[in-house]
Amino acid sequence: ERVKSGKSIRYIVPESVCDYISKHSLYRDVS
């Protein structure tokens, strides 16, 4: 939910996980 709404997940997931998500643009709408 938090990721989909575009809110920061930096404080609820490890930094490495957040970085991975950012690199692969996961949980983001391609449109």
N, C-alpha and C. Protein backbone atom coordinates (compact mmCIF):
# COMPACT_ATOMS: atom_id res chain seq x y z
N GLU A 1 0.82 -1.20 0.00
CA GLU A 1 0.00 0.00 0.00
C GLU A 1 0.86 1.26 0.00
N ARG A 2 1.78 1.30 0.93
CA ARG A 2 2.60 2.50 1.09
C ARG A 2 3.43 2.78 -0.16
N VAL A 3 3.91 1.70 -0.78
CA VAL A 3 4.73 1.88 -1.98
C VAL A 3 3.86 2.34 -3.14
N LYS A 4 2.70 1.74 -3.27
CA LYS A 4 1.81 2.07 -4.38
C LYS A 4 1.36 3.52 -4.32
N SER A 5 1.16 4.02 -3.12
CA SER A 5 0.69 5.39 -2.96
C SER A 5 1.81 6.40 -3.17
N GLY A 6 3.03 5.89 -3.34
CA GLY A 6 4.16 6.76 -3.65
C GLY A 6 4.83 7.33 -2.42
N LYS A 7 4.46 6.83 -1.25
CA LYS A 7 5.07 7.32 -0.01
C LYS A 7 6.43 6.67 0.20
N SER A 8 7.25 7.33 0.98
CA SER A 8 8.60 6.81 1.24
C SER A 8 8.53 5.55 2.08
N ILE A 9 9.26 4.52 1.65
CA ILE A 9 9.30 3.27 2.41
C ILE A 9 10.66 3.10 3.05
N ARG A 10 11.41 4.19 3.03
CA ARG A 10 12.79 4.15 3.50
C ARG A 10 12.87 3.73 4.96
N TYR A 11 11.80 4.02 5.71
CA TYR A 11 11.85 3.77 7.15
C TYR A 11 11.18 2.47 7.54
N ILE A 12 10.63 1.75 6.56
CA ILE A 12 9.96 0.49 6.89
C ILE A 12 10.64 -0.69 6.21
N VAL A 13 11.67 -0.40 5.40
CA VAL A 13 12.42 -1.47 4.75
C VAL A 13 13.90 -1.15 4.82
N PRO A 14 14.75 -2.19 4.75
CA PRO A 14 16.20 -1.97 4.75
C PRO A 14 16.61 -1.07 3.60
N GLU A 15 17.67 -0.31 3.79
CA GLU A 15 18.13 0.63 2.76
C GLU A 15 18.46 -0.09 1.46
N SER A 16 19.03 -1.29 1.59
CA SER A 16 19.40 -2.07 0.41
C SER A 16 18.16 -2.44 -0.40
N VAL A 17 17.08 -2.75 0.31
CA VAL A 17 15.83 -3.11 -0.35
C VAL A 17 15.25 -1.89 -1.07
N CYS A 18 15.29 -0.75 -0.40
CA CYS A 18 14.78 0.48 -0.98
C CYS A 18 15.57 0.84 -2.23
N ASP A 19 16.88 0.65 -2.17
CA ASP A 19 17.74 0.95 -3.30
C ASP A 19 17.44 0.00 -4.46
N TYR A 20 17.20 -1.26 -4.15
CA TYR A 20 16.88 -2.26 -5.17
C TYR A 20 15.59 -1.89 -5.88
N ILE A 21 14.60 -1.50 -5.10
CA ILE A 21 13.31 -1.10 -5.66
C ILE A 21 13.47 0.10 -6.58
N SER A 22 14.29 1.05 -6.14
CA SER A 22 14.51 2.26 -6.93
C SER A 22 15.21 1.93 -8.25
N LYS A 23 16.19 1.05 -8.18
CA LYS A 23 16.96 0.69 -9.37
C LYS A 23 16.10 0.00 -10.41
N HIS A 24 15.21 -0.85 -9.95
CA HIS A 24 14.39 -1.63 -10.87
C HIS A 24 13.00 -1.05 -11.07
N SER A 25 12.77 0.09 -10.43
CA SER A 25 11.48 0.78 -10.56
C SER A 25 10.32 -0.16 -10.23
N LEU A 26 10.49 -0.96 -9.20
CA LEU A 26 9.45 -1.89 -8.81
C LEU A 26 8.27 -1.16 -8.17
N TYR A 27 7.11 -1.77 -8.25
CA TYR A 27 5.89 -1.23 -7.64
C TYR A 27 5.48 0.11 -8.23
N ARG A 28 6.05 0.45 -9.39
CA ARG A 28 5.68 1.73 -10.01
C ARG A 28 4.90 1.48 -11.30
N ASP A 29 3.99 2.37 -11.62
CA ASP A 29 3.23 2.25 -12.85
C ASP A 29 4.11 2.65 -14.03
N VAL A 30 4.19 1.78 -15.02
CA VAL A 30 5.02 2.05 -16.19
C VAL A 30 4.43 3.20 -17.00
N SER A 31 3.12 3.36 -16.94
CA SER A 31 2.45 4.41 -17.68
C SER A 31 2.88 5.78 -17.15
